[in-house]
């Protein structure tokens, strides 16, 4: 198959010692994963030589992906059950808005701490082992949350839960991204779809369990136990041939020498920075949106949980968001999604429309925030590095995305007294996505690993 080089294309920088006639990448034509037997010896990840040989059957691969998506859905339920119950928890413990806002998002601090170390772990050890171990950790953290006697130990349990979720995310993104190398955006969109389902059903289920058992502690116990069960299921059902799949260091058309040799390069760092700004806006919104609705629009806790679930409904658009990200310029797609998020922030906090419209705007935030922005920054950062470096790319994404999210609730809560909900929303949920869009302008998709090197003339 021949590919034409766009007119006016400039030569891409190559590795040290490359010649002037080096291949020029064009965008976007995905490359297929290479057989395990074709992987050359390299000093990169030591785990490559230990991968199971051969591809799993379609059924085994489908079941493995489904179970892993289910674990990510439960991960979302664990995260999203806290904000709707924050008012009740804060009242019982006497937390103010800032303390409660930090608790709502502090679990992401654990995710950020785990991200980069987990990225190195999944390049050197079994991704399946890391996945199962991480699910157990965040489930135990969730189970421990109702046992807290003060803000300090509750924050600690939330951070422990986040550590497990961060390890899971890095291993999960690396495993799915490597297996579906040629359709990475769509595959990560499936995870976004699963996360959207969890975010949709988590808040109302949490409120329902609280009402049925007469305690806000019930949903944490139930979700924590479910996590331990799904860890056991994954242990026996998920195939190592799926999770440990590696990709050759060379593509169909030749090597990846046109790409930067380092995992932390201009593209990956720019995408990481943009993901951090976007997450600061998105998680600030998620953490205090129910509080905004109950205090400013005077809706009930149940209605606030319903509105938050619309974010999850929008998040199921991750299937489409990931699919389209495989087919068009991801930089353009991400810039558009960030601009739309900024506009929705104005509609939510400045316009302060009725409850029905709030549900519509929350759904839009879910579509463009968790359905488009999340899977495409996640897949783009993996495309910004050479294929054997996807573990480090996934870890960098987890650290920057969730590290910013960790303090988003505290920042929003600190801005509200000084600027009011309108000013705080305008600053955090509108200006930050616009900043992220500006950062994305420096990304060069022609240096992605799915760019097709065209023959030099």
Protein backbone atom coordinates (compact mmCIF):
# COMPACT_ATOMS: atom_id res chain seq x y z
CA UNK A 1 0.00 0.00 0.00
CA UNK A 2 1.45 3.34 -1.02
CA UNK A 3 0.98 6.60 0.80
CA UNK A 4 1.38 10.09 -0.52
CA UNK A 5 3.27 12.74 1.34
CA UNK A 6 1.24 15.95 1.75
CA UNK A 7 2.57 18.87 -0.21
CA UNK A 8 4.62 21.19 1.87
CA UNK A 9 5.45 18.56 4.46
CA UNK A 10 8.69 19.24 6.24
CA UNK A 11 11.14 16.56 7.24
CA UNK A 12 10.64 15.19 10.71
CA UNK A 13 13.60 15.03 13.04
CA UNK A 14 15.07 11.59 13.33
CA UNK A 15 17.30 9.80 15.77
CA UNK A 16 20.94 10.63 16.13
CA UNK A 17 22.91 9.69 13.07
CA UNK A 18 19.92 9.65 10.72
CA UNK A 19 20.45 10.88 7.17
CA UNK A 20 18.72 13.66 5.27
CA UNK A 21 16.73 11.14 3.27
CA UNK A 22 14.99 9.82 6.37
CA UNK A 23 11.34 8.84 6.12
CA UNK A 24 8.77 11.57 6.70
CA UNK A 25 5.69 10.62 8.74
CA UNK A 26 2.21 11.61 7.66
CA UNK A 27 -1.01 11.47 9.69
CA UNK A 28 -3.12 9.46 10.48
CA UNK A 29 -2.89 5.83 9.32
CA UNK A 30 -2.75 3.28 12.18
CA UNK A 31 -0.29 0.42 12.08
CA UNK A 32 -1.01 -3.15 13.02
CA UNK A 33 0.51 -4.92 15.99
CA UNK A 34 3.45 -7.11 15.08
CA UNK A 35 3.65 -10.78 15.93
CA UNK A 36 5.43 -11.59 19.16
CA UNK A 37 7.91 -13.68 17.21
CA UNK A 38 8.95 -10.60 15.24
CA UNK A 39 10.08 -8.59 18.27
CA UNK A 40 13.77 -7.85 18.03
CA UNK A 41 16.09 -7.98 20.98
CA UNK A 42 16.32 -4.60 22.69
CA UNK A 43 17.49 -3.10 25.96
CA UNK A 44 14.08 -1.50 26.52
CA UNK A 45 11.58 -3.38 28.70
CA UNK A 46 12.94 -6.60 30.16
CA UNK A 47 9.43 -8.02 30.35
CA UNK A 48 9.11 -8.30 26.55
CA UNK A 49 10.96 -11.62 26.35
CA UNK A 50 8.67 -13.13 28.98
CA UNK A 51 5.43 -12.42 27.14
CA UNK A 52 3.23 -15.41 26.26
CA UNK A 53 3.51 -16.22 22.58
CA UNK A 54 0.59 -16.17 20.21
CA UNK A 55 -2.65 -14.24 20.06
CA UNK A 56 -5.69 -15.21 22.16
CA UNK A 57 -8.87 -16.16 20.35
CA UNK A 58 -11.43 -13.44 19.69
CA UNK A 59 -13.67 -14.89 22.40
CA UNK A 60 -10.88 -14.92 24.99
CA UNK A 61 -9.83 -11.40 24.04
CA UNK A 62 -13.44 -10.18 24.18
CA UNK A 63 -14.07 -11.75 27.57
CA UNK A 64 -10.80 -10.38 28.94
CA UNK A 65 -11.63 -6.86 27.75
CA UNK A 66 -15.17 -7.13 29.14
CA UNK A 67 -13.97 -8.18 32.60
CA UNK A 68 -11.31 -5.45 32.67
CA UNK A 69 -13.93 -2.89 31.58
CA UNK A 70 -16.15 -4.14 34.41
CA UNK A 71 -13.34 -3.50 36.90
CA UNK A 72 -13.00 0.05 35.56
CA UNK A 73 -16.76 0.56 35.86
CA UNK A 74 -16.57 -0.45 39.52
CA UNK A 75 -13.61 1.91 39.87
CA UNK A 76 -15.87 4.73 38.65
CA UNK A 77 -18.62 3.76 41.09
CA UNK A 78 -16.14 3.92 43.96
CA UNK A 79 -15.06 7.41 42.90
CA UNK A 80 -18.49 8.88 42.16
CA UNK A 81 -20.35 7.62 45.21
CA UNK A 82 -18.57 10.10 47.50
CA UNK A 83 -19.67 13.53 46.12
CA UNK A 84 -23.46 13.01 46.50
CA UNK A 85 -22.92 11.87 50.09
CA UNK A 86 -20.46 14.65 50.90
CA UNK A 87 -23.10 16.85 52.54
CA UNK A 88 -24.20 14.06 54.88
CA UNK A 89 -20.60 13.06 55.67
CA UNK A 90 -19.50 16.67 56.28
CA UNK A 91 -22.45 17.28 58.58
CA UNK A 92 -21.67 14.19 60.69
CA UNK A 93 -17.96 14.99 61.00
CA UNK A 94 -18.24 18.78 61.02
CA UNK A 95 -16.18 19.35 57.85
CA UNK A 96 -16.31 22.79 56.22
CA UNK A 97 -16.61 23.31 52.45
CA UNK A 98 -12.84 23.34 51.85
CA UNK A 99 -12.22 20.19 53.90
CA UNK A 100 -15.10 18.41 52.22
CA UNK A 101 -14.04 19.55 48.76
CA UNK A 102 -10.53 18.20 49.31
CA UNK A 103 -11.91 14.88 50.55
CA UNK A 104 -14.07 14.60 47.43
CA UNK A 105 -11.01 14.61 45.15
CA UNK A 106 -8.04 13.65 47.35
CA UNK A 107 -8.19 10.03 46.21
CA UNK A 108 -6.71 11.27 42.95
CA UNK A 109 -3.56 12.24 44.90
CA UNK A 110 -3.00 8.53 45.48
CA UNK A 111 -3.56 7.92 41.77
CA UNK A 112 -0.99 10.58 40.91
CA UNK A 113 1.58 9.11 43.31
CA UNK A 114 1.07 5.65 41.84
CA UNK A 115 1.07 6.69 38.18
CA UNK A 116 4.71 6.98 37.10
CA UNK A 117 6.00 4.13 39.35
CA UNK A 118 3.18 1.92 38.06
CA UNK A 119 4.15 2.82 34.50
CA UNK A 120 7.63 1.40 35.09
CA UNK A 121 6.21 -1.65 36.88
CA UNK A 122 3.94 -2.65 34.01
CA UNK A 123 6.91 -2.52 31.60
CA UNK A 124 8.87 -4.95 33.76
CA UNK A 125 6.32 -7.24 35.41
CA UNK A 126 3.04 -8.92 34.56
CA UNK A 127 0.33 -6.36 33.86
CA UNK A 128 -2.28 -8.87 35.01
CA UNK A 129 -0.61 -9.22 38.41
CA UNK A 130 -0.42 -5.44 38.80
CA UNK A 131 -4.07 -5.14 37.79
CA UNK A 132 -5.36 -7.68 40.30
CA UNK A 133 -3.19 -6.37 43.11
CA UNK A 134 -4.38 -2.82 42.42
CA UNK A 135 -8.07 -3.78 42.50
CA UNK A 136 -7.55 -5.38 45.93
CA UNK A 137 -5.84 -2.21 47.20
CA UNK A 138 -8.56 0.23 46.15
CA UNK A 139 -11.29 -2.11 47.36
CA UNK A 140 -9.69 -2.30 50.81
CA UNK A 141 -9.40 1.49 50.84
CA UNK A 142 -13.09 1.77 50.01
CA UNK A 143 -14.00 -0.71 52.76
CA UNK A 144 -11.94 1.26 55.27
CA UNK A 145 -13.55 4.65 54.50
CA UNK A 146 -16.64 4.11 56.72
CA UNK A 147 -14.31 3.24 59.62
CA UNK A 148 -12.77 6.72 59.70
CA UNK A 149 -13.05 8.69 62.94
CA UNK A 150 -11.63 11.99 61.67
CA UNK A 151 -10.75 13.94 58.54
CA UNK A 152 -7.16 12.69 58.65
CA UNK A 153 -7.79 8.96 58.58
CA UNK A 154 -10.66 9.34 56.10
CA UNK A 155 -8.29 11.22 53.80
CA UNK A 156 -5.69 8.47 54.28
CA UNK A 157 -8.19 5.75 53.31
CA UNK A 158 -9.22 7.78 50.27
CA UNK A 159 -5.58 8.15 49.23
CA UNK A 160 -5.00 4.40 49.65
CA UNK A 161 -8.01 3.78 47.44
CA UNK A 162 -6.51 6.17 44.92
CA UNK A 163 -3.17 4.35 44.99
CA UNK A 164 -4.90 1.18 43.88
CA UNK A 165 -6.94 3.00 41.26
CA UNK A 166 -3.81 4.66 39.87
CA UNK A 167 -1.98 1.35 39.60
CA UNK A 168 -5.00 -0.19 37.93
CA UNK A 169 -5.34 2.69 35.47
CA UNK A 170 -1.67 2.58 34.38
CA UNK A 171 -1.70 -1.21 33.92
CA UNK A 172 -5.13 -1.21 32.28
CA UNK A 173 -4.35 1.59 29.83
CA UNK A 174 -1.01 0.00 28.89
CA UNK A 175 -2.50 -3.48 28.42
CA UNK A 176 -5.48 -2.37 26.34
CA UNK A 177 -3.47 0.22 24.41
CA UNK A 178 -0.78 -2.32 23.47
CA UNK A 179 -3.20 -5.10 22.49
CA UNK A 180 -5.35 -2.80 20.34
CA UNK A 181 -2.40 -0.85 18.96
CA UNK A 182 -4.09 -0.19 15.63
CA UNK A 183 -7.39 0.87 17.25
CA UNK A 184 -6.08 2.31 20.50
CA UNK A 185 -8.54 5.21 20.65
CA UNK A 186 -11.59 3.00 20.24
CA UNK A 187 -10.32 0.45 22.77
CA UNK A 188 -9.67 3.13 25.38
CA UNK A 189 -13.06 4.55 24.45
CA UNK A 190 -14.57 1.22 25.54
CA UNK A 191 -12.97 1.81 28.94
CA UNK A 192 -14.38 5.34 28.89
CA UNK A 193 -17.81 3.85 28.12
CA UNK A 194 -17.47 1.50 31.09
CA UNK A 195 -16.35 4.36 33.31
CA UNK A 196 -19.37 6.34 32.10
CA UNK A 197 -21.70 3.53 33.12
CA UNK A 198 -20.10 3.43 36.57
CA UNK A 199 -20.36 7.20 36.93
CA UNK A 200 -24.02 7.01 35.82
CA UNK A 201 -25.16 4.32 38.23
CA UNK A 202 -22.72 4.93 41.10
CA UNK A 203 -24.31 8.12 42.56
CA UNK A 204 -27.96 6.96 42.54
CA UNK A 205 -26.98 3.50 43.81
CA UNK A 206 -25.02 5.11 46.61
CA UNK A 207 -27.99 7.26 47.62
CA UNK A 208 -30.31 4.23 47.35
CA UNK A 209 -28.07 2.05 49.52
CA UNK A 210 -27.80 4.88 52.03
CA UNK A 211 -31.57 5.19 52.23
CA UNK A 212 -32.20 1.43 52.39
CA UNK A 213 -29.61 0.74 55.09
CA UNK A 214 -30.02 4.04 56.91
CA UNK A 215 -26.32 4.88 56.73
CA UNK A 216 -23.96 6.56 54.26
CA UNK A 217 -21.44 3.82 55.12
CA UNK A 218 -23.41 1.10 53.34
CA UNK A 219 -22.45 1.88 49.72
CA UNK A 220 -18.73 1.96 50.56
CA UNK A 221 -18.99 -1.48 52.16
CA UNK A 222 -20.96 -2.90 49.24
CA UNK A 223 -18.70 -1.49 46.53
CA UNK A 224 -15.58 -2.53 48.43
CA UNK A 225 -16.77 -6.14 48.69
CA UNK A 226 -17.74 -6.16 45.01
CA UNK A 227 -14.20 -5.07 44.18
CA UNK A 228 -12.70 -8.05 46.00
CA UNK A 229 -15.08 -10.38 44.16
CA UNK A 230 -14.20 -8.93 40.74
CA UNK A 231 -10.48 -9.25 41.55
CA UNK A 232 -10.98 -12.99 42.03
CA UNK A 233 -12.97 -13.23 38.80
CA UNK A 234 -10.25 -11.38 36.88
CA UNK A 235 -7.61 -13.71 38.30
CA UNK A 236 -9.23 -16.72 36.62
CA UNK A 237 -10.87 -15.20 33.56
CA UNK A 238 -8.51 -12.56 32.12
CA UNK A 239 -5.94 -14.13 29.77
CA UNK A 240 -2.23 -13.21 30.09
CA UNK A 241 -2.08 -13.40 26.29
CA UNK A 242 -4.34 -10.35 26.33
CA UNK A 243 -2.74 -8.31 29.11
CA UNK A 244 0.92 -9.04 28.28
CA UNK A 245 0.80 -8.32 24.57
CA UNK A 246 3.80 -6.35 23.33
CA UNK A 247 4.38 -4.43 20.10
CA UNK A 248 7.38 -4.60 17.87
CA UNK A 249 9.88 -1.76 17.94
CA UNK A 250 9.49 -1.46 14.18
CA UNK A 251 6.40 -0.64 12.17
CA UNK A 252 5.14 -1.94 8.85
CA UNK A 253 7.00 0.71 6.88
CA UNK A 254 10.21 0.64 8.90
CA UNK A 255 11.49 1.80 12.27
CA UNK A 256 10.24 4.42 14.71
CA UNK A 257 13.48 6.38 14.40
CA UNK A 258 11.55 9.44 13.19
CA UNK A 259 10.12 9.69 16.73
CA UNK A 260 11.89 11.13 19.80
CA UNK A 261 13.91 8.44 21.57
CA UNK A 262 12.80 9.53 25.03
CA UNK A 263 9.40 8.74 26.50
CA UNK A 264 9.24 12.21 28.05
CA UNK A 265 9.38 14.34 24.91
CA UNK A 266 7.76 17.50 23.58
CA UNK A 267 4.56 15.79 22.50
CA UNK A 268 4.08 13.57 25.55
CA UNK A 269 4.85 16.37 28.00
CA UNK A 270 2.53 18.82 26.22
CA UNK A 271 -0.31 16.29 26.22
CA UNK A 272 0.38 15.54 29.89
CA UNK A 273 0.23 19.27 30.73
CA UNK A 274 -3.02 19.71 28.79
CA UNK A 275 -4.50 16.66 30.51
CA UNK A 276 -3.60 18.16 33.89
CA UNK A 277 -5.34 21.47 33.12
CA UNK A 278 -8.40 19.67 31.77
CA UNK A 279 -8.58 17.38 34.79
CA UNK A 280 -8.30 20.34 37.17
CA UNK A 281 -11.42 21.75 35.55
CA UNK A 282 -13.33 18.48 35.13
CA UNK A 283 -12.72 17.09 38.63
CA UNK A 284 -13.31 20.44 40.29
CA UNK A 285 -16.68 20.37 38.59
CA UNK A 286 -17.38 16.75 39.54
CA UNK A 287 -16.33 17.13 43.16
CA UNK A 288 -18.51 20.10 44.06
CA UNK A 289 -21.28 20.03 41.47
CA UNK A 290 -23.79 18.35 43.84
CA UNK A 291 -22.91 20.93 46.52
CA UNK A 292 -23.45 23.74 44.00
CA UNK A 293 -26.86 22.35 43.07
CA UNK A 294 -28.06 21.88 46.65
CA UNK A 295 -26.81 25.24 47.95
CA UNK A 296 -27.45 27.48 44.94
CA UNK A 297 -30.41 25.87 43.16
CA UNK A 298 -31.80 24.31 46.37
CA UNK A 299 -32.42 20.87 44.88
CA UNK A 300 -32.55 17.72 46.99
CA UNK A 301 -29.63 15.34 47.50
CA UNK A 302 -31.36 12.78 45.30
CA UNK A 303 -31.84 15.31 42.49
CA UNK A 304 -28.19 16.38 42.79
CA UNK A 305 -27.14 12.73 42.47
CA UNK A 306 -29.38 12.41 39.41
CA UNK A 307 -27.79 15.46 37.79
CA UNK A 308 -24.31 14.06 38.49
CA UNK A 309 -25.31 10.77 36.91
CA UNK A 310 -25.98 12.65 33.67
CA UNK A 311 -22.23 13.27 33.51
CA UNK A 312 -21.85 9.50 33.41
CA UNK A 313 -24.53 9.20 30.73
CA UNK A 314 -22.55 11.62 28.62
CA UNK A 315 -19.41 9.67 29.37
CA UNK A 316 -20.70 6.61 27.54
CA UNK A 317 -19.95 8.64 24.41
CA UNK A 318 -16.40 7.41 24.99
CA UNK A 319 -17.06 4.70 22.40
CA UNK A 320 -17.69 7.33 19.74
CA UNK A 321 -15.03 9.68 21.09
CA UNK A 322 -12.37 6.97 20.92
CA UNK A 323 -13.55 5.74 17.53
CA UNK A 324 -13.38 9.17 15.93
CA UNK A 325 -10.00 9.80 17.57
CA UNK A 326 -8.58 6.91 15.52
CA UNK A 327 -9.75 8.54 12.31
CA UNK A 328 -9.10 12.27 12.52
CA UNK A 329 -6.37 14.53 13.82
CA UNK A 330 -6.45 14.04 17.59
CA UNK A 331 -4.95 17.42 18.32
CA UNK A 332 -7.88 19.15 16.58
CA UNK A 333 -10.40 16.87 18.28
CA UNK A 334 -8.95 17.59 21.73
CA UNK A 335 -8.90 21.35 21.16
CA UNK A 336 -12.57 21.28 20.14
CA UNK A 337 -13.55 19.19 23.17
CA UNK A 338 -11.74 21.57 25.54
CA UNK A 339 -13.40 24.64 24.04
CA UNK A 340 -16.83 23.02 24.41
CA UNK A 341 -16.05 22.16 28.05
CA UNK A 342 -15.22 25.83 28.63
CA UNK A 343 -18.54 26.95 27.12
CA UNK A 344 -20.47 24.42 29.21
CA UNK A 345 -18.76 25.80 32.33
CA UNK A 346 -20.23 29.21 31.54
CA UNK A 347 -23.69 27.72 31.04
CA UNK A 348 -23.57 25.82 34.34
CA UNK A 349 -22.11 28.41 36.72
CA UNK A 350 -22.75 31.81 35.14
CA UNK A 351 -26.15 31.24 33.56
CA UNK A 352 -27.29 28.97 36.43
CA UNK A 353 -30.19 27.55 34.43
CA UNK A 354 -33.03 25.43 35.77
CA UNK A 355 -32.52 21.89 37.06
CA UNK A 356 -33.59 20.30 33.77
CA UNK A 357 -31.09 22.37 31.83
CA UNK A 358 -28.44 21.59 34.44
CA UNK A 359 -28.92 17.91 33.62
CA UNK A 360 -28.46 18.68 29.92
CA UNK A 361 -25.29 20.69 30.59
CA UNK A 362 -23.95 17.97 32.90
CA UNK A 363 -24.50 15.44 30.13
CA UNK A 364 -22.59 17.68 27.70
CA UNK A 365 -19.73 17.93 30.19
CA UNK A 366 -19.73 14.14 30.33
CA UNK A 367 -19.71 13.82 26.52
CA UNK A 368 -16.81 16.18 25.90
CA UNK A 369 -14.98 15.73 29.22
CA UNK A 370 -15.07 12.00 29.93
CA UNK A 371 -16.26 10.82 26.51
CA UNK A 372 -13.88 12.72 24.21
CA UNK A 373 -11.16 14.48 26.22
CA UNK A 374 -10.29 11.55 28.51
CA UNK A 375 -9.89 8.68 25.99
CA UNK A 376 -8.14 10.86 23.43
CA UNK A 377 -5.56 12.39 25.76
CA UNK A 378 -5.02 8.87 27.06
CA UNK A 379 -4.46 7.38 23.61
CA UNK A 380 -2.61 10.41 22.21
CA UNK A 381 0.03 10.31 24.94
CA UNK A 382 0.66 6.63 24.14
CA UNK A 383 1.00 7.54 20.46
CA UNK A 384 3.52 10.23 21.39
CA UNK A 385 6.08 7.57 22.44
CA UNK A 386 7.61 4.53 20.82
CA UNK A 387 5.41 1.44 21.27
CA UNK A 388 7.56 -0.28 23.89
CA UNK A 389 7.29 2.87 26.04
CA UNK A 390 3.50 2.83 26.42
CA UNK A 391 3.77 1.82 30.09
CA UNK A 392 5.70 4.97 30.93
CA UNK A 393 3.31 7.06 28.82
CA UNK A 394 0.32 5.59 30.65
CA UNK A 395 1.99 6.28 33.99
CA UNK A 396 2.78 9.89 33.01
CA UNK A 397 -0.84 10.41 31.98
CA UNK A 398 -2.17 8.97 35.25
CA UNK A 399 0.16 11.15 37.33
CA UNK A 400 -0.58 14.42 35.52
CA UNK A 401 -4.29 13.84 34.98
CA UNK A 402 -5.12 12.61 38.45
CA UNK A 403 -2.43 14.65 40.21
CA UNK A 404 -4.20 17.80 39.07
CA UNK A 405 -7.55 16.32 39.95
CA UNK A 406 -6.39 15.64 43.52
CA UNK A 407 -6.46 19.32 44.45
CA UNK A 408 -9.22 20.44 42.11
CA UNK A 409 -11.93 20.22 44.77
CA UNK A 410 -9.82 22.17 47.28
CA UNK A 411 -9.04 24.86 44.70
CA UNK A 412 -12.69 25.23 43.72
CA UNK A 413 -13.79 25.34 47.35
CA UNK A 414 -11.16 28.01 48.09
CA UNK A 415 -12.28 30.13 45.12
CA UNK A 416 -15.99 30.08 46.01
CA UNK A 417 -15.77 32.30 49.15
CA UNK A 418 -13.63 34.84 47.31
CA UNK A 419 -15.32 34.88 43.90
CA UNK A 420 -18.68 33.21 44.42
CA UNK A 421 -19.82 30.16 42.46
CA UNK A 422 -20.01 32.16 39.23
CA UNK A 423 -16.48 33.52 39.46
CA UNK A 424 -15.01 30.24 40.66
CA UNK A 425 -16.73 28.32 37.86
CA UNK A 426 -15.57 30.85 35.27
CA UNK A 427 -11.97 30.64 36.45
CA UNK A 428 -11.63 26.90 37.00
CA UNK A 429 -14.13 25.28 34.63
CA UNK A 430 -13.82 27.74 31.75
CA UNK A 431 -10.37 29.34 31.66
CA UNK A 432 -8.40 26.17 32.45
CA UNK A 433 -9.80 24.16 29.50
CA UNK A 434 -8.96 27.11 27.25
CA UNK A 435 -5.40 27.03 28.60
CA UNK A 436 -5.23 23.30 27.88
CA UNK A 437 -6.44 23.95 24.31
CA UNK A 438 -3.64 26.49 23.85
CA UNK A 439 -1.06 23.96 25.09
CA UNK A 440 -2.32 21.39 22.57
CA UNK A 441 -1.36 23.73 19.74
CA UNK A 442 2.32 22.80 20.17
CA UNK A 443 1.68 19.04 19.73
CA UNK A 444 2.94 17.56 16.44
CA UNK A 445 0.78 14.56 15.36
CA UNK A 446 3.27 13.80 12.55
CA UNK A 447 5.57 12.41 15.25
CA UNK A 448 2.97 10.00 16.64
CA UNK A 449 3.70 6.28 16.39
CA UNK A 450 0.65 5.73 14.17
CA UNK A 451 1.91 8.19 11.55
CA UNK A 452 2.86 6.36 8.36
CA UNK A 453 6.44 6.95 7.21
CA UNK A 454 6.29 7.80 3.52
CA UNK A 455 9.11 6.98 1.15
CA UNK A 456 11.61 9.79 0.79
CA UNK A 457 11.98 11.30 -2.67
